[in-house]
Amino acid sequence: MSDNKSIETIANTLISQYGDDAEAVAMLRAAEYAADLNNEEWIKWENIIKKIHSMNESPKLDG
C-alpha cells in the first residue's frame, strides 16, 4: 500500500472510531513519536493529522 493510501486509510479509521476527536488522537500519537525521536513515524502522523483536518473541512457526501 502506498504511503498516501495508508495515510488516508488511517485517517478514515480514526474518524470512524473517534469522530470529532480523531485529530486530537492523531496529535497525541504524533507527540509520542516526536518524544521518542522517531522522525519517520512522527512525520507520518503529522501527515495523518493534515489529512484528517482536510477531510473534516471538505467531507465527501457519499449519501
PDB file of N, CA and C in Angstrom:
ATOM      1  N   MET A   1       0.850  -1.177   0.000  1.00  0.00           N
ATOM      2  CA  MET A   1       0.000   0.000   0.000  1.00  0.00           C
ATOM      3  C   MET A   1       0.892   1.236   0.000  1.00  0.00           C
ATOM      4  N   SER A   2       0.548   2.201  -0.844  1.00  0.00           N
ATOM      5  CA  SER A   2       1.351   3.423  -0.905  1.00  0.00           C
ATOM      6  C   SER A   2       1.170   4.239   0.364  1.00  0.00           C
ATOM      7  N   ASP A   3       2.135   5.112   0.633  1.00  0.00           N
ATOM      8  CA  ASP A   3       2.068   5.945   1.837  1.00  0.00           C
ATOM      9  C   ASP A   3       0.817   6.811   1.862  1.00  0.00           C
ATOM     10  N   ASN A   4       0.477   7.416   0.718  1.00  0.00           N
ATOM     11  CA  ASN A   4      -0.707   8.281   0.677  1.00  0.00           C
ATOM     12  C   ASN A   4      -1.976   7.496   0.949  1.00  0.00           C
ATOM     13  N   LYS A   5      -2.076   6.308   0.390  1.00  0.00           N
ATOM     14  CA  LYS A   5      -3.255   5.468   0.621  1.00  0.00           C
ATOM     15  C   LYS A   5      -3.295   5.017   2.071  1.00  0.00           C
ATOM     16  N   SER A   6      -2.142   4.675   2.622  1.00  0.00           N
ATOM     17  CA  SER A   6      -2.056   4.269   4.026  1.00  0.00           C
ATOM     18  C   SER A   6      -2.484   5.407   4.947  1.00  0.00           C
ATOM     19  N   ILE A   7      -2.025   6.606   4.662  1.00  0.00           N
ATOM     20  CA  ILE A   7      -2.387   7.777   5.467  1.00  0.00           C
ATOM     21  C   ILE A   7      -3.889   8.019   5.398  1.00  0.00           C
ATOM     22  N   GLU A   8      -4.455   7.913   4.201  1.00  0.00           N
ATOM     23  CA  GLU A   8      -5.901   8.108   4.046  1.00  0.00           C
ATOM     24  C   GLU A   8      -6.687   7.026   4.788  1.00  0.00           C
ATOM     25  N   THR A   9      -6.222   5.791   4.715  1.00  0.00           N
ATOM     26  CA  THR A   9      -6.891   4.693   5.411  1.00  0.00           C
ATOM     27  C   THR A   9      -6.859   4.897   6.920  1.00  0.00           C
ATOM     28  N   ILE A  10      -5.711   5.274   7.445  1.00  0.00           N
ATOM     29  CA  ILE A  10      -5.589   5.518   8.889  1.00  0.00           C
ATOM     30  C   ILE A  10      -6.476   6.687   9.300  1.00  0.00           C
ATOM     31  N   ALA A  11      -6.480   7.754   8.504  1.00  0.00           N
ATOM     32  CA  ALA A  11      -7.321   8.918   8.808  1.00  0.00           C
ATOM     33  C   ALA A  11      -8.797   8.528   8.833  1.00  0.00           C
ATOM     34  N   ASN A  12      -9.231   7.760   7.845  1.00  0.00           N
ATOM     35  CA  ASN A  12     -10.623   7.295   7.806  1.00  0.00           C
ATOM     36  C   ASN A  12     -10.963   6.440   9.016  1.00  0.00           C
ATOM     37  N   THR A  13     -10.056   5.565   9.387  1.00  0.00           N
ATOM     38  CA  THR A  13     -10.280   4.696  10.540  1.00  0.00           C
ATOM     39  C   THR A  13     -10.413   5.512  11.818  1.00  0.00           C
ATOM     40  N   LEU A  14      -9.526   6.481  12.005  1.00  0.00           N
ATOM     41  CA  LEU A  14      -9.588   7.323  13.202  1.00  0.00           C
ATOM     42  C   LEU A  14     -10.879   8.136  13.246  1.00  0.00           C
ATOM     43  N   ILE A  15     -11.293   8.679  12.112  1.00  0.00           N
ATOM     44  CA  ILE A  15     -12.542   9.443  12.065  1.00  0.00           C
ATOM     45  C   ILE A  15     -13.726   8.537  12.382  1.00  0.00           C
ATOM     46  N   SER A  16     -13.722   7.328  11.828  1.00  0.00           N
ATOM     47  CA  SER A  16     -14.808   6.383  12.107  1.00  0.00           C
ATOM     48  C   SER A  16     -14.856   6.000  13.574  1.00  0.00           C
ATOM     49  N   GLN A  17     -13.690   5.822  14.161  1.00  0.00           N
ATOM     50  CA  GLN A  17     -13.610   5.357  15.545  1.00  0.00           C
ATOM     51  C   GLN A  17     -13.801   6.483  16.561  1.00  0.00           C
ATOM     52  N   TYR A  18     -13.233   7.654  16.296  1.00  0.00           N
ATOM     53  CA  TYR A  18     -13.211   8.719  17.295  1.00  0.00           C
ATOM     54  C   TYR A  18     -14.021   9.962  16.922  1.00  0.00           C
ATOM     55  N   GLY A  19     -14.529  10.021  15.709  1.00  0.00           N
ATOM     56  CA  GLY A  19     -15.339  11.165  15.295  1.00  0.00           C
ATOM     57  C   GLY A  19     -14.573  12.474  15.390  1.00  0.00           C
ATOM     58  N   ASP A  20     -15.177  13.455  16.066  1.00  0.00           N
ATOM     59  CA  ASP A  20     -14.562  14.781  16.182  1.00  0.00           C
ATOM     60  C   ASP A  20     -13.241  14.772  16.944  1.00  0.00           C
ATOM     61  N   ASP A  21     -12.974  13.722  17.695  1.00  0.00           N
ATOM     62  CA  ASP A  21     -11.733  13.629  18.472  1.00  0.00           C
ATOM     63  C   ASP A  21     -10.581  12.988  17.694  1.00  0.00           C
ATOM     64  N   ALA A  22     -10.819  12.604  16.451  1.00  0.00           N
ATOM     65  CA  ALA A  22      -9.797  11.904  15.662  1.00  0.00           C
ATOM     66  C   ALA A  22      -8.514  12.714  15.527  1.00  0.00           C
ATOM     67  N   GLU A  23      -8.655  14.001  15.289  1.00  0.00           N
ATOM     68  CA  GLU A  23      -7.465  14.847  15.122  1.00  0.00           C
ATOM     69  C   GLU A  23      -6.662  14.912  16.419  1.00  0.00           C
ATOM     70  N   ALA A  24      -7.349  15.004  17.550  1.00  0.00           N
ATOM     71  CA  ALA A  24      -6.663  15.046  18.848  1.00  0.00           C
ATOM     72  C   ALA A  24      -5.943  13.730  19.125  1.00  0.00           C
ATOM     73  N   VAL A  25      -6.569  12.620  18.782  1.00  0.00           N
ATOM     74  CA  VAL A  25      -5.943  11.309  18.975  1.00  0.00           C
ATOM     75  C   VAL A  25      -4.680  11.209  18.116  1.00  0.00           C
ATOM     76  N   ALA A  26      -4.765  11.661  16.878  1.00  0.00           N
ATOM     77  CA  ALA A  26      -3.597  11.637  15.992  1.00  0.00           C
ATOM     78  C   ALA A  26      -2.490  12.553  16.515  1.00  0.00           C
ATOM     79  N   MET A  27      -2.867  13.691  17.090  1.00  0.00           N
ATOM     80  CA  MET A  27      -1.869  14.601  17.667  1.00  0.00           C
ATOM     81  C   MET A  27      -1.144  13.947  18.836  1.00  0.00           C
ATOM     82  N   LEU A  28      -1.871  13.222  19.651  1.00  0.00           N
ATOM     83  CA  LEU A  28      -1.231  12.512  20.769  1.00  0.00           C
ATOM     84  C   LEU A  28      -0.247  11.469  20.261  1.00  0.00           C
ATOM     85  N   ARG A  29      -0.648  10.736  19.231  1.00  0.00           N
ATOM     86  CA  ARG A  29       0.239   9.723  18.653  1.00  0.00           C
ATOM     87  C   ARG A  29       1.481  10.380  18.066  1.00  0.00           C
ATOM     88  N   ALA A  30       1.307  11.490  17.352  1.00  0.00           N
ATOM     89  CA  ALA A  30       2.452  12.211  16.778  1.00  0.00           C
ATOM     90  C   ALA A  30       3.392  12.686  17.879  1.00  0.00           C
ATOM     91  N   ALA A  31       2.825  13.178  18.966  1.00  0.00           N
ATOM     92  CA  ALA A  31       3.645  13.662  20.087  1.00  0.00           C
ATOM     93  C   ALA A  31       4.450  12.531  20.717  1.00  0.00           C
ATOM     94  N   GLU A  32       3.850  11.337  20.801  1.00  0.00           N
ATOM     95  CA  GLU A  32       4.577  10.181  21.346  1.00  0.00           C
ATOM     96  C   GLU A  32       5.800   9.870  20.495  1.00  0.00           C
ATOM     97  N   TYR A  33       5.617   9.859  19.177  1.00  0.00           N
ATOM     98  CA  TYR A  33       6.741   9.554  18.291  1.00  0.00           C
ATOM     99  C   TYR A  33       7.783  10.668  18.306  1.00  0.00           C
ATOM    100  N   ALA A  34       7.336  11.909  18.411  1.00  0.00           N
ATOM    101  CA  ALA A  34       8.278  13.029  18.488  1.00  0.00           C
ATOM    102  C   ALA A  34       9.114  12.932  19.759  1.00  0.00           C
ATOM    103  N   ALA A  35       8.470  12.580  20.865  1.00  0.00           N
ATOM    104  CA  ALA A  35       9.186  12.449  22.140  1.00  0.00           C
ATOM    105  C   ALA A  35      10.211  11.320  22.090  1.00  0.00           C
ATOM    106  N   ASP A  36       9.908  10.274  21.312  1.00  0.00           N
ATOM    107  CA  ASP A  36      10.834   9.148  21.158  1.00  0.00           C
ATOM    108  C   ASP A  36      11.891   9.411  20.086  1.00  0.00           C
ATOM    109  N   LEU A  37      11.833  10.599  19.483  1.00  0.00           N
ATOM    110  CA  LEU A  37      12.752  10.987  18.400  1.00  0.00           C
ATOM    111  C   LEU A  37      12.664  10.055  17.193  1.00  0.00           C
ATOM    112  N   ASN A  38      11.460   9.505  16.972  1.00  0.00           N
ATOM    113  CA  ASN A  38      11.211   8.647  15.818  1.00  0.00           C
ATOM    114  C   ASN A  38      10.660   9.535  14.700  1.00  0.00           C
ATOM    115  N   ASN A  39      11.571  10.158  13.965  1.00  0.00           N
ATOM    116  CA  ASN A  39      11.182  11.150  12.963  1.00  0.00           C
ATOM    117  C   ASN A  39      10.289  10.591  11.869  1.00  0.00           C
ATOM    118  N   GLU A  40      10.562   9.376  11.413  1.00  0.00           N
ATOM    119  CA  GLU A  40       9.778   8.796  10.320  1.00  0.00           C
ATOM    120  C   GLU A  40       8.305   8.653  10.714  1.00  0.00           C
ATOM    121  N   GLU A  41       8.054   8.070  11.880  1.00  0.00           N
ATOM    122  CA  GLU A  41       6.671   7.899  12.343  1.00  0.00           C
ATOM    123  C   GLU A  41       6.042   9.234  12.722  1.00  0.00           C
ATOM    124  N   TRP A  42       6.840  10.129  13.295  1.00  0.00           N
ATOM    125  CA  TRP A  42       6.323  11.449  13.653  1.00  0.00           C
ATOM    126  C   TRP A  42       5.820  12.188  12.414  1.00  0.00           C
ATOM    127  N   ILE A  43       6.612  12.178  11.348  1.00  0.00           N
ATOM    128  CA  ILE A  43       6.212  12.833  10.101  1.00  0.00           C
ATOM    129  C   ILE A  43       4.969  12.160   9.522  1.00  0.00           C
ATOM    130  N   LYS A  44       4.926  10.838   9.577  1.00  0.00           N
ATOM    131  CA  LYS A  44       3.751  10.104   9.092  1.00  0.00           C
ATOM    132  C   LYS A  44       2.498  10.570   9.828  1.00  0.00           C
ATOM    133  N   TRP A  45       2.576  10.674  11.155  1.00  0.00           N
ATOM    134  CA  TRP A  45       1.410  11.074  11.940  1.00  0.00           C
ATOM    135  C   TRP A  45       1.077  12.543  11.756  1.00  0.00           C
ATOM    136  N   GLU A  46       2.050  13.388  11.494  1.00  0.00           N
ATOM    137  CA  GLU A  46       1.756  14.780  11.153  1.00  0.00           C
ATOM    138  C   GLU A  46       0.968  14.840   9.845  1.00  0.00           C
ATOM    139  N   ASN A  47       1.323  13.982   8.894  1.00  0.00           N
ATOM    140  CA  ASN A  47       0.584  13.916   7.632  1.00  0.00           C
ATOM    141  C   ASN A  47      -0.825  13.374   7.838  1.00  0.00           C
ATOM    142  N   ILE A  48      -0.981  12.445   8.760  1.00  0.00           N
ATOM    143  CA  ILE A  48      -2.313  11.930   9.088  1.00  0.00           C
ATOM    144  C   ILE A  48      -3.167  13.045   9.690  1.00  0.00           C
ATOM    145  N   ILE A  49      -2.577  13.852  10.560  1.00  0.00           N
ATOM    146  CA  ILE A  49      -3.300  14.993  11.147  1.00  0.00           C
ATOM    147  C   ILE A  49      -3.772  15.932  10.039  1.00  0.00           C
ATOM    148  N   LYS A  50      -2.896  16.237   9.098  1.00  0.00           N
ATOM    149  CA  LYS A  50      -3.265  17.111   7.983  1.00  0.00           C
ATOM    150  C   LYS A  50      -4.403  16.508   7.164  1.00  0.00           C
ATOM    151  N   LYS A  51      -4.338  15.196   6.941  1.00  0.00           N
ATOM    152  CA  LYS A  51      -5.377  14.514   6.158  1.00  0.00           C
ATOM    153  C   LYS A  51      -6.713  14.554   6.891  1.00  0.00           C
ATOM    154  N   ILE A  52      -6.710  14.297   8.195  1.00  0.00           N
ATOM    155  CA  ILE A  52      -7.946  14.355   8.982  1.00  0.00           C
ATOM    156  C   ILE A  52      -8.531  15.761   8.908  1.00  0.00           C
ATOM    157  N   HIS A  53      -7.682  16.761   9.080  1.00  0.00           N
ATOM    158  CA  HIS A  53      -8.144  18.153   9.021  1.00  0.00           C
ATOM    159  C   HIS A  53      -8.764  18.450   7.654  1.00  0.00           C
ATOM    160  N   SER A  54      -8.095  18.021   6.613  1.00  0.00           N
ATOM    161  CA  SER A  54      -8.585  18.233   5.251  1.00  0.00           C
ATOM    162  C   SER A  54      -9.923  17.530   5.032  1.00  0.00           C
ATOM    163  N   MET A  55     -10.037  16.309   5.512  1.00  0.00           N
ATOM    164  CA  MET A  55     -11.277  15.548   5.350  1.00  0.00           C
ATOM    165  C   MET A  55     -12.418  16.188   6.137  1.00  0.00           C
ATOM    166  N   ASN A  56     -12.115  16.737   7.298  1.00  0.00           N
ATOM    167  CA  ASN A  56     -13.143  17.394   8.102  1.00  0.00           C
ATOM    168  C   ASN A  56     -13.594  18.714   7.480  1.00  0.00           C
ATOM    169  N   GLU A  57     -12.684  19.393   6.788  1.00  0.00           N
ATOM    170  CA  GLU A  57     -13.009  20.671   6.157  1.00  0.00           C
ATOM    171  C   GLU A  57     -13.872  20.503   4.911  1.00  0.00           C
ATOM    172  N   SER A  58     -13.668  19.419   4.177  1.00  0.00           N
ATOM    173  CA  SER A  58     -14.452  19.184   2.954  1.00  0.00           C
ATOM    174  C   SER A  58     -14.823  17.702   2.867  1.00  0.00           C
ATOM    175  N   PRO A  59     -15.818  17.304   3.660  1.00  0.00           N
ATOM    176  CA  PRO A  59     -16.203  15.888   3.684  1.00  0.00           C
ATOM    177  C   PRO A  59     -16.845  15.449   2.368  1.00  0.00           C
ATOM    178  N   LYS A  60     -16.631  14.185   2.033  1.00  0.00           N
ATOM    179  CA  LYS A  60     -17.287  13.594   0.869  1.00  0.00           C
ATOM    180  C   LYS A  60     -18.721  13.274   1.267  1.00  0.00           C
ATOM    181  N   LEU A  61     -19.621  13.562   0.386  1.00  0.00           N
ATOM    182  CA  LEU A  61     -21.027  13.276   0.651  1.00  0.00           C
ATOM    183  C   LEU A  61     -21.432  12.059  -0.174  1.00  0.00           C
ATOM    184  N   ASP A  62     -21.193  10.879   0.394  1.00  0.00           N
ATOM    185  CA  ASP A  62     -21.467   9.641  -0.327  1.00  0.00           C
ATOM    186  C   ASP A  62     -22.923   9.206  -0.223  1.00  0.00           C
ATOM    187  N   GLY A  63     -23.664   9.831   0.658  1.00  0.00           N
ATOM    188  CA  GLY A  63     -25.076   9.504   0.801  1.00  0.00           C
ATOM    189  C   GLY A  63     -25.247   8.321   1.578  1.00  0.00           C
TER     190      GLY A  63
END
